[in-house]
Amino acid sequence: MKSINMSEYNPSLGILVSLEDKEDFVSMNGSINMDADKITSNPSKYLDKNKTYYFYCRRGTRSRRVVQILGVYGYKVVKVTV
């Protein structure tokens, strides 16, 4: 699993996605918020295989799980540690 620190991320790398609950979401570095369960249950509805996605969450549990699952499906994904 690819992983980088938040300090290494810049928008030219790809799309930064927070997996926090909507009520806990605070945008970092222009991130967008997505639901982890929706993404993993139907990734083609939310993601483009031609783009790279950088996932993060505060504890790292959701982002680790999402990156592992989407990697198996052939998506370009990277876990970001906060």
PDB file of N, CA and C in Angstrom:
ATOM      1  N   MET A   1       0.846  -1.179   0.000  1.00  0.00           N
ATOM      2  CA  MET A   1       0.000   0.000   0.000  1.00  0.00           C
ATOM      3  C   MET A   1       0.887   1.236   0.000  1.00  0.00           C
ATOM      4  N   LYS A   2       0.616   2.125  -0.927  1.00  0.00           N
ATOM      5  CA  LYS A   2       1.352   3.386  -0.970  1.00  0.00           C
ATOM      6  C   LYS A   2       0.845   4.302   0.134  1.00  0.00           C
ATOM      7  N   SER A   3       1.768   5.034   0.745  1.00  0.00           N
ATOM      8  CA  SER A   3       1.396   5.928   1.831  1.00  0.00           C
ATOM      9  C   SER A   3       2.331   7.136   1.838  1.00  0.00           C
ATOM     10  N   ILE A   4       1.762   8.318   2.106  1.00  0.00           N
ATOM     11  CA  ILE A   4       2.562   9.521   2.268  1.00  0.00           C
ATOM     12  C   ILE A   4       2.044  10.290   3.477  1.00  0.00           C
ATOM     13  N   ASN A   5       2.834  11.230   3.945  1.00  0.00           N
ATOM     14  CA  ASN A   5       2.426  12.116   5.024  1.00  0.00           C
ATOM     15  C   ASN A   5       1.710  13.315   4.408  1.00  0.00           C
ATOM     16  N   MET A   6       0.787  13.912   5.145  1.00  0.00           N
ATOM     17  CA  MET A   6       0.031  15.069   4.643  1.00  0.00           C
ATOM     18  C   MET A   6       0.972  16.190   4.194  1.00  0.00           C
ATOM     19  N   SER A   7       2.113  16.339   4.844  1.00  0.00           N
ATOM     20  CA  SER A   7       3.046  17.402   4.464  1.00  0.00           C
ATOM     21  C   SER A   7       3.655  17.170   3.079  1.00  0.00           C
ATOM     22  N   GLU A   8       3.595  15.939   2.565  1.00  0.00           N
ATOM     23  CA  GLU A   8       4.124  15.613   1.245  1.00  0.00           C
ATOM     24  C   GLU A   8       3.096  15.810   0.135  1.00  0.00           C
ATOM     25  N   TYR A   9       1.839  15.969   0.501  1.00  0.00           N
ATOM     26  CA  TYR A   9       0.774  16.095  -0.496  1.00  0.00           C
ATOM     27  C   TYR A   9       0.729  17.494  -1.087  1.00  0.00           C
ATOM     28  N   ASN A  10       0.489  17.562  -2.397  1.00  0.00           N
ATOM     29  CA  ASN A  10       0.146  18.822  -3.046  1.00  0.00           C
ATOM     30  C   ASN A  10      -0.890  18.505  -4.122  1.00  0.00           C
ATOM     31  N   PRO A  11      -1.763  19.446  -4.436  1.00  0.00           N
ATOM     32  CA  PRO A  11      -2.888  19.191  -5.350  1.00  0.00           C
ATOM     33  C   PRO A  11      -2.513  18.653  -6.718  1.00  0.00           C
ATOM     34  N   SER A  12      -1.304  18.883  -7.172  1.00  0.00           N
ATOM     35  CA  SER A  12      -0.911  18.383  -8.493  1.00  0.00           C
ATOM     36  C   SER A  12      -0.768  16.854  -8.508  1.00  0.00           C
ATOM     37  N   LEU A  13      -0.700  16.229  -7.339  1.00  0.00           N
ATOM     38  CA  LEU A  13      -0.556  14.775  -7.262  1.00  0.00           C
ATOM     39  C   LEU A  13      -1.849  14.042  -7.579  1.00  0.00           C
ATOM     40  N   GLY A  14      -2.975  14.607  -7.160  1.00  0.00           N
ATOM     41  CA  GLY A  14      -4.263  13.947  -7.352  1.00  0.00           C
ATOM     42  C   GLY A  14      -5.299  14.542  -6.422  1.00  0.00           C
ATOM     43  N   ILE A  15      -6.395  13.840  -6.267  1.00  0.00           N
ATOM     44  CA  ILE A  15      -7.534  14.326  -5.496  1.00  0.00           C
ATOM     45  C   ILE A  15      -7.424  13.866  -4.044  1.00  0.00           C
ATOM     46  N   LEU A  16      -7.495  14.816  -3.125  1.00  0.00           N
ATOM     47  CA  LEU A  16      -7.408  14.525  -1.695  1.00  0.00           C
ATOM     48  C   LEU A  16      -8.820  14.325  -1.149  1.00  0.00           C
ATOM     49  N   VAL A  17      -9.037  13.172  -0.497  1.00  0.00           N
ATOM     50  CA  VAL A  17     -10.363  12.806  -0.018  1.00  0.00           C
ATOM     51  C   VAL A  17     -10.327  12.494   1.474  1.00  0.00           C
ATOM     52  N   SER A  18     -11.193  13.176   2.215  1.00  0.00           N
ATOM     53  CA  SER A  18     -11.372  12.885   3.628  1.00  0.00           C
ATOM     54  C   SER A  18     -12.462  11.826   3.762  1.00  0.00           C
ATOM     55  N   LEU A  19     -12.239  10.876   4.670  1.00  0.00           N
ATOM     56  CA  LEU A  19     -13.235   9.841   4.918  1.00  0.00           C
ATOM     57  C   LEU A  19     -13.917  10.032   6.268  1.00  0.00           C
ATOM     58  N   GLU A  20     -13.807  11.226   6.822  1.00  0.00           N
ATOM     59  CA  GLU A  20     -14.452  11.528   8.095  1.00  0.00           C
ATOM     60  C   GLU A  20     -15.970  11.585   7.905  1.00  0.00           C
ATOM     61  N   ASP A  21     -16.702  11.409   9.002  1.00  0.00           N
ATOM     62  CA  ASP A  21     -18.154  11.606   8.958  1.00  0.00           C
ATOM     63  C   ASP A  21     -18.424  13.054   8.562  1.00  0.00           C
ATOM     64  N   LYS A  22     -19.531  13.290   7.873  1.00  0.00           N
ATOM     65  CA  LYS A  22     -19.844  14.645   7.385  1.00  0.00           C
ATOM     66  C   LYS A  22     -19.770  15.693   8.478  1.00  0.00           C
ATOM     67  N   GLU A  23     -20.286  15.367   9.663  1.00  0.00           N
ATOM     68  CA  GLU A  23     -20.303  16.348  10.750  1.00  0.00           C
ATOM     69  C   GLU A  23     -18.908  16.621  11.327  1.00  0.00           C
ATOM     70  N   ASP A  24     -17.952  15.737  11.081  1.00  0.00           N
ATOM     71  CA  ASP A  24     -16.583  15.924  11.574  1.00  0.00           C
ATOM     72  C   ASP A  24     -15.632  16.465  10.509  1.00  0.00           C
ATOM     73  N   PHE A  25     -16.130  16.596   9.276  1.00  0.00           N
ATOM     74  CA  PHE A  25     -15.268  16.984   8.161  1.00  0.00           C
ATOM     75  C   PHE A  25     -14.834  18.445   8.242  1.00  0.00           C
ATOM     76  N   VAL A  26     -13.515  18.633   8.137  1.00  0.00           N
ATOM     77  CA  VAL A  26     -12.916  19.950   8.003  1.00  0.00           C
ATOM     78  C   VAL A  26     -11.938  19.815   6.841  1.00  0.00           C
ATOM     79  N   SER A  27     -12.134  20.592   5.789  1.00  0.00           N
ATOM     80  CA  SER A  27     -11.296  20.474   4.597  1.00  0.00           C
ATOM     81  C   SER A  27      -9.845  20.821   4.907  1.00  0.00           C
ATOM     82  N   MET A  28      -8.945  19.955   4.450  1.00  0.00           N
ATOM     83  CA  MET A  28      -7.508  20.185   4.568  1.00  0.00           C
ATOM     84  C   MET A  28      -6.932  20.186   3.159  1.00  0.00           C
ATOM     85  N   ASN A  29      -6.150  21.175   2.836  1.00  0.00           N
ATOM     86  CA  ASN A  29      -5.495  21.246   1.520  1.00  0.00           C
ATOM     87  C   ASN A  29      -6.476  21.079   0.362  1.00  0.00           C
ATOM     88  N   GLY A  30      -7.693  21.604   0.523  1.00  0.00           N
ATOM     89  CA  GLY A  30      -8.684  21.530  -0.544  1.00  0.00           C
ATOM     90  C   GLY A  30      -9.367  20.181  -0.683  1.00  0.00           C
ATOM     91  N   SER A  31      -9.325  19.372   0.353  1.00  0.00           N
ATOM     92  CA  SER A  31      -9.913  18.030   0.274  1.00  0.00           C
ATOM     93  C   SER A  31     -11.433  18.064   0.132  1.00  0.00           C
ATOM     94  N   ILE A  32     -11.949  16.969  -0.416  1.00  0.00           N
ATOM     95  CA  ILE A  32     -13.381  16.760  -0.484  1.00  0.00           C
ATOM     96  C   ILE A  32     -13.726  15.641   0.497  1.00  0.00           C
ATOM     97  N   ASN A  33     -14.995  15.508   0.835  1.00  0.00           N
ATOM     98  CA  ASN A  33     -15.428  14.490   1.785  1.00  0.00           C
ATOM     99  C   ASN A  33     -16.252  13.437   1.064  1.00  0.00           C
ATOM    100  N   MET A  34     -15.959  12.170   1.343  1.00  0.00           N
ATOM    101  CA  MET A  34     -16.719  11.060   0.769  1.00  0.00           C
ATOM    102  C   MET A  34     -17.000  10.034   1.851  1.00  0.00           C
ATOM    103  N   ASP A  35     -18.051   9.249   1.654  1.00  0.00           N
ATOM    104  CA  ASP A  35     -18.423   8.186   2.574  1.00  0.00           C
ATOM    105  C   ASP A  35     -17.668   6.908   2.214  1.00  0.00           C
ATOM    106  N   ALA A  36     -16.929   6.361   3.165  1.00  0.00           N
ATOM    107  CA  ALA A  36     -16.099   5.180   2.921  1.00  0.00           C
ATOM    108  C   ALA A  36     -16.922   3.980   2.455  1.00  0.00           C
ATOM    109  N   ASP A  37     -18.079   3.759   3.062  1.00  0.00           N
ATOM    110  CA  ASP A  37     -18.897   2.599   2.695  1.00  0.00           C
ATOM    111  C   ASP A  37     -19.457   2.720   1.281  1.00  0.00           C
ATOM    112  N   LYS A  38     -19.873   3.918   0.899  1.00  0.00           N
ATOM    113  CA  LYS A  38     -20.395   4.117  -0.459  1.00  0.00           C
ATOM    114  C   LYS A  38     -19.300   3.903  -1.497  1.00  0.00           C
ATOM    115  N   ILE A  39     -18.106   4.416  -1.223  1.00  0.00           N
ATOM    116  CA  ILE A  39     -16.992   4.286  -2.171  1.00  0.00           C
ATOM    117  C   ILE A  39     -16.629   2.818  -2.379  1.00  0.00           C
ATOM    118  N   THR A  40     -16.532   2.067  -1.292  1.00  0.00           N
ATOM    119  CA  THR A  40     -16.094   0.672  -1.415  1.00  0.00           C
ATOM    120  C   THR A  40     -17.183  -0.242  -1.959  1.00  0.00           C
ATOM    121  N   SER A  41     -18.460   0.112  -1.761  1.00  0.00           N
ATOM    122  CA  SER A  41     -19.528  -0.752  -2.264  1.00  0.00           C
ATOM    123  C   SER A  41     -19.814  -0.529  -3.753  1.00  0.00           C
ATOM    124  N   ASN A  42     -19.498   0.672  -4.268  1.00  0.00           N
ATOM    125  CA  ASN A  42     -19.757   0.962  -5.684  1.00  0.00           C
ATOM    126  C   ASN A  42     -18.737   1.997  -6.184  1.00  0.00           C
ATOM    127  N   PRO A  43     -17.457   1.617  -6.240  1.00  0.00           N
ATOM    128  CA  PRO A  43     -16.414   2.602  -6.571  1.00  0.00           C
ATOM    129  C   PRO A  43     -16.565   3.261  -7.939  1.00  0.00           C
ATOM    130  N   SER A  44     -17.058   2.538  -8.924  1.00  0.00           N
ATOM    131  CA  SER A  44     -17.156   3.116 -10.274  1.00  0.00           C
ATOM    132  C   SER A  44     -18.160   4.269 -10.336  1.00  0.00           C
ATOM    133  N   LYS A  45     -19.066   4.336  -9.380  1.00  0.00           N
ATOM    134  CA  LYS A  45     -20.038   5.422  -9.327  1.00  0.00           C
ATOM    135  C   LYS A  45     -19.389   6.727  -8.857  1.00  0.00           C
ATOM    136  N   TYR A  46     -18.336   6.626  -8.055  1.00  0.00           N
ATOM    137  CA  TYR A  46     -17.734   7.802  -7.423  1.00  0.00           C
ATOM    138  C   TYR A  46     -16.322   8.135  -7.900  1.00  0.00           C
ATOM    139  N   LEU A  47     -15.624   7.147  -8.455  1.00  0.00           N
ATOM    140  CA  LEU A  47     -14.209   7.341  -8.788  1.00  0.00           C
ATOM    141  C   LEU A  47     -13.924   7.045 -10.254  1.00  0.00           C
ATOM    142  N   ASP A  48     -12.865   7.659 -10.755  1.00  0.00           N
ATOM    143  CA  ASP A  48     -12.406   7.482 -12.126  1.00  0.00           C
ATOM    144  C   ASP A  48     -11.068   6.738 -12.064  1.00  0.00           C
ATOM    145  N   LYS A  49     -10.962   5.610 -12.733  1.00  0.00           N
ATOM    146  CA  LYS A  49      -9.725   4.812 -12.693  1.00  0.00           C
ATOM    147  C   LYS A  49      -8.535   5.525 -13.329  1.00  0.00           C
ATOM    148  N   ASN A  50      -8.783   6.612 -14.057  1.00  0.00           N
ATOM    149  CA  ASN A  50      -7.693   7.357 -14.686  1.00  0.00           C
ATOM    150  C   ASN A  50      -7.116   8.431 -13.770  1.00  0.00           C
ATOM    151  N   LYS A  51      -7.688   8.596 -12.591  1.00  0.00           N
ATOM    152  CA  LYS A  51      -7.225   9.615 -11.642  1.00  0.00           C
ATOM    153  C   LYS A  51      -6.621   8.949 -10.419  1.00  0.00           C
ATOM    154  N   THR A  52      -5.792   9.698  -9.710  1.00  0.00           N
ATOM    155  CA  THR A  52      -5.190   9.209  -8.476  1.00  0.00           C
ATOM    156  C   THR A  52      -5.873   9.878  -7.299  1.00  0.00           C
ATOM    157  N   TYR A  53      -6.201   9.067  -6.284  1.00  0.00           N
ATOM    158  CA  TYR A  53      -6.901   9.553  -5.103  1.00  0.00           C
ATOM    159  C   TYR A  53      -6.045   9.355  -3.862  1.00  0.00           C
ATOM    160  N   TYR A  54      -6.043  10.357  -3.012  1.00  0.00           N
ATOM    161  CA  TYR A  54      -5.298  10.345  -1.756  1.00  0.00           C
ATOM    162  C   TYR A  54      -6.314  10.389  -0.623  1.00  0.00           C
ATOM    163  N   PHE A  55      -6.377   9.314   0.160  1.00  0.00           N
ATOM    164  CA  PHE A  55      -7.385   9.191   1.210  1.00  0.00           C
ATOM    165  C   PHE A  55      -6.784   9.392   2.589  1.00  0.00           C
ATOM    166  N   TYR A  56      -7.517  10.112   3.431  1.00  0.00           N
ATOM    167  CA  TYR A  56      -7.088  10.272   4.817  1.00  0.00           C
ATOM    168  C   TYR A  56      -8.281  10.287   5.759  1.00  0.00           C
ATOM    169  N   CYS A  57      -7.990   9.995   7.012  1.00  0.00           N
ATOM    170  CA  CYS A  57      -8.925  10.145   8.119  1.00  0.00           C
ATOM    171  C   CYS A  57      -8.069  10.333   9.373  1.00  0.00           C
ATOM    172  N   ARG A  58      -8.654  10.816  10.417  1.00  0.00           N
ATOM    173  CA  ARG A  58      -7.875  11.135  11.620  1.00  0.00           C
ATOM    174  C   ARG A  58      -7.127   9.946  12.196  1.00  0.00           C
ATOM    175  N   ARG A  59      -7.814   8.831  12.386  1.00  0.00           N
ATOM    176  CA  ARG A  59      -7.192   7.670  13.016  1.00  0.00           C
ATOM    177  C   ARG A  59      -6.455   6.777  12.022  1.00  0.00           C
ATOM    178  N   GLY A  60      -6.776   6.872  10.756  1.00  0.00           N
ATOM    179  CA  GLY A  60      -6.101   6.063   9.748  1.00  0.00           C
ATOM    180  C   GLY A  60      -6.776   4.740   9.437  1.00  0.00           C
ATOM    181  N   THR A  61      -7.767   4.365  10.216  1.00  0.00           N
ATOM    182  CA  THR A  61      -8.430   3.073  10.030  1.00  0.00           C
ATOM    183  C   THR A  61      -9.243   3.023   8.745  1.00  0.00           C
ATOM    184  N   ARG A  62     -10.089   3.999   8.533  1.00  0.00           N
ATOM    185  CA  ARG A  62     -10.922   4.027   7.325  1.00  0.00           C
ATOM    186  C   ARG A  62     -10.068   4.148   6.069  1.00  0.00           C
ATOM    187  N   SER A  63      -9.100   5.047   6.103  1.00  0.00           N
ATOM    188  CA  SER A  63      -8.287   5.253   4.905  1.00  0.00           C
ATOM    189  C   SER A  63      -7.481   3.992   4.561  1.00  0.00           C
ATOM    190  N   ARG A  64      -6.979   3.293   5.552  1.00  0.00           N
ATOM    191  CA  ARG A  64      -6.237   2.054   5.305  1.00  0.00           C
ATOM    192  C   ARG A  64      -7.148   1.025   4.632  1.00  0.00           C
ATOM    193  N   ARG A  65      -8.350   0.851   5.161  1.00  0.00           N
ATOM    194  CA  ARG A  65      -9.297  -0.125   4.619  1.00  0.00           C
ATOM    195  C   ARG A  65      -9.708   0.240   3.189  1.00  0.00           C
ATOM    196  N   VAL A  66     -10.050   1.503   2.972  1.00  0.00           N
ATOM    197  CA  VAL A  66     -10.487   1.959   1.648  1.00  0.00           C
ATOM    198  C   VAL A  66      -9.372   1.806   0.616  1.00  0.00           C
ATOM    199  N   VAL A  67      -8.156   2.186   0.963  1.00  0.00           N
ATOM    200  CA  VAL A  67      -7.031   2.071   0.031  1.00  0.00           C
ATOM    201  C   VAL A  67      -6.752   0.606  -0.306  1.00  0.00           C
ATOM    202  N   GLN A  68      -6.839  -0.277   0.678  1.00  0.00           N
ATOM    203  CA  GLN A  68      -6.615  -1.703   0.411  1.00  0.00           C
ATOM    204  C   GLN A  68      -7.672  -2.254  -0.552  1.00  0.00           C
ATOM    205  N   ILE A  69      -8.923  -1.944  -0.294  1.00  0.00           N
ATOM    206  CA  ILE A  69     -10.018  -2.455  -1.130  1.00  0.00           C
ATOM    207  C   ILE A  69      -9.939  -1.891  -2.544  1.00  0.00           C
ATOM    208  N   LEU A  70      -9.786  -0.578  -2.658  1.00  0.00           N
ATOM    209  CA  LEU A  70      -9.759   0.038  -3.988  1.00  0.00           C
ATOM    210  C   LEU A  70      -8.525  -0.371  -4.785  1.00  0.00           C
ATOM    211  N   GLY A  71      -7.418  -0.613  -4.097  1.00  0.00           N
ATOM    212  CA  GLY A  71      -6.215  -1.094  -4.771  1.00  0.00           C
ATOM    213  C   GLY A  71      -6.455  -2.440  -5.439  1.00  0.00           C
ATOM    214  N   VAL A  72      -7.202  -3.318  -4.789  1.00  0.00           N
ATOM    215  CA  VAL A  72      -7.547  -4.620  -5.361  1.00  0.00           C
ATOM    216  C   VAL A  72      -8.392  -4.451  -6.619  1.00  0.00           C
ATOM    217  N   TYR A  73      -9.253  -3.428  -6.625  1.00  0.00           N
ATOM    218  CA  TYR A  73     -10.110  -3.156  -7.783  1.00  0.00           C
ATOM    219  C   TYR A  73      -9.379  -2.408  -8.905  1.00  0.00           C
ATOM    220  N   GLY A  74      -8.113  -2.090  -8.707  1.00  0.00           N
ATOM    221  CA  GLY A  74      -7.325  -1.463  -9.764  1.00  0.00           C
ATOM    222  C   GLY A  74      -7.326   0.052  -9.784  1.00  0.00           C
ATOM    223  N   TYR A  75      -7.771   0.685  -8.698  1.00  0.00           N
ATOM    224  CA  TYR A  75      -7.751   2.148  -8.623  1.00  0.00           C
ATOM    225  C   TYR A  75      -6.383   2.626  -8.147  1.00  0.00           C
ATOM    226  N   LYS A  76      -6.010   3.819  -8.591  1.00  0.00           N
ATOM    227  CA  LYS A  76      -4.750   4.440  -8.165  1.00  0.00           C
ATOM    228  C   LYS A  76      -5.042   5.195  -6.872  1.00  0.00           C
ATOM    229  N   VAL A  77      -4.625   4.604  -5.754  1.00  0.00           N
ATOM    230  CA  VAL A  77      -4.958   5.169  -4.447  1.00  0.00           C
ATOM    231  C   VAL A  77      -3.725   5.201  -3.542  1.00  0.00           C
ATOM    232  N   VAL A  78      -3.712   6.206  -2.671  1.00  0.00           N
ATOM    233  CA  VAL A  78      -2.608   6.395  -1.737  1.00  0.00           C
ATOM    234  C   VAL A  78      -3.202   6.762  -0.380  1.00  0.00           C
ATOM    235  N   LYS A  79      -2.670   6.177   0.678  1.00  0.00           N
ATOM    236  CA  LYS A  79      -3.096   6.516   2.033  1.00  0.00           C
ATOM    237  C   LYS A  79      -2.278   7.708   2.497  1.00  0.00           C
ATOM    238  N   VAL A  80      -2.945   8.677   3.099  1.00  0.00           N
ATOM    239  CA  VAL A  80      -2.270   9.864   3.607  1.00  0.00           C
ATOM    240  C   VAL A  80      -2.378   9.853   5.138  1.00  0.00           C
ATOM    241  N   THR A  81      -1.249   9.963   5.813  1.00  0.00           N
ATOM    242  CA  THR A  81      -1.272  10.047   7.265  1.00  0.00           C
ATOM    243  C   THR A  81      -1.310  11.505   7.678  1.00  0.00           C
ATOM    244  N   VAL A  82      -2.129  11.781   8.667  1.00  0.00           N
ATOM    245  CA  VAL A  82      -2.325  13.165   9.129  1.00  0.00           C
ATOM    246  C   VAL A  82      -1.415  13.443  10.308  1.00  0.00           C
TER     247      VAL A  82
END
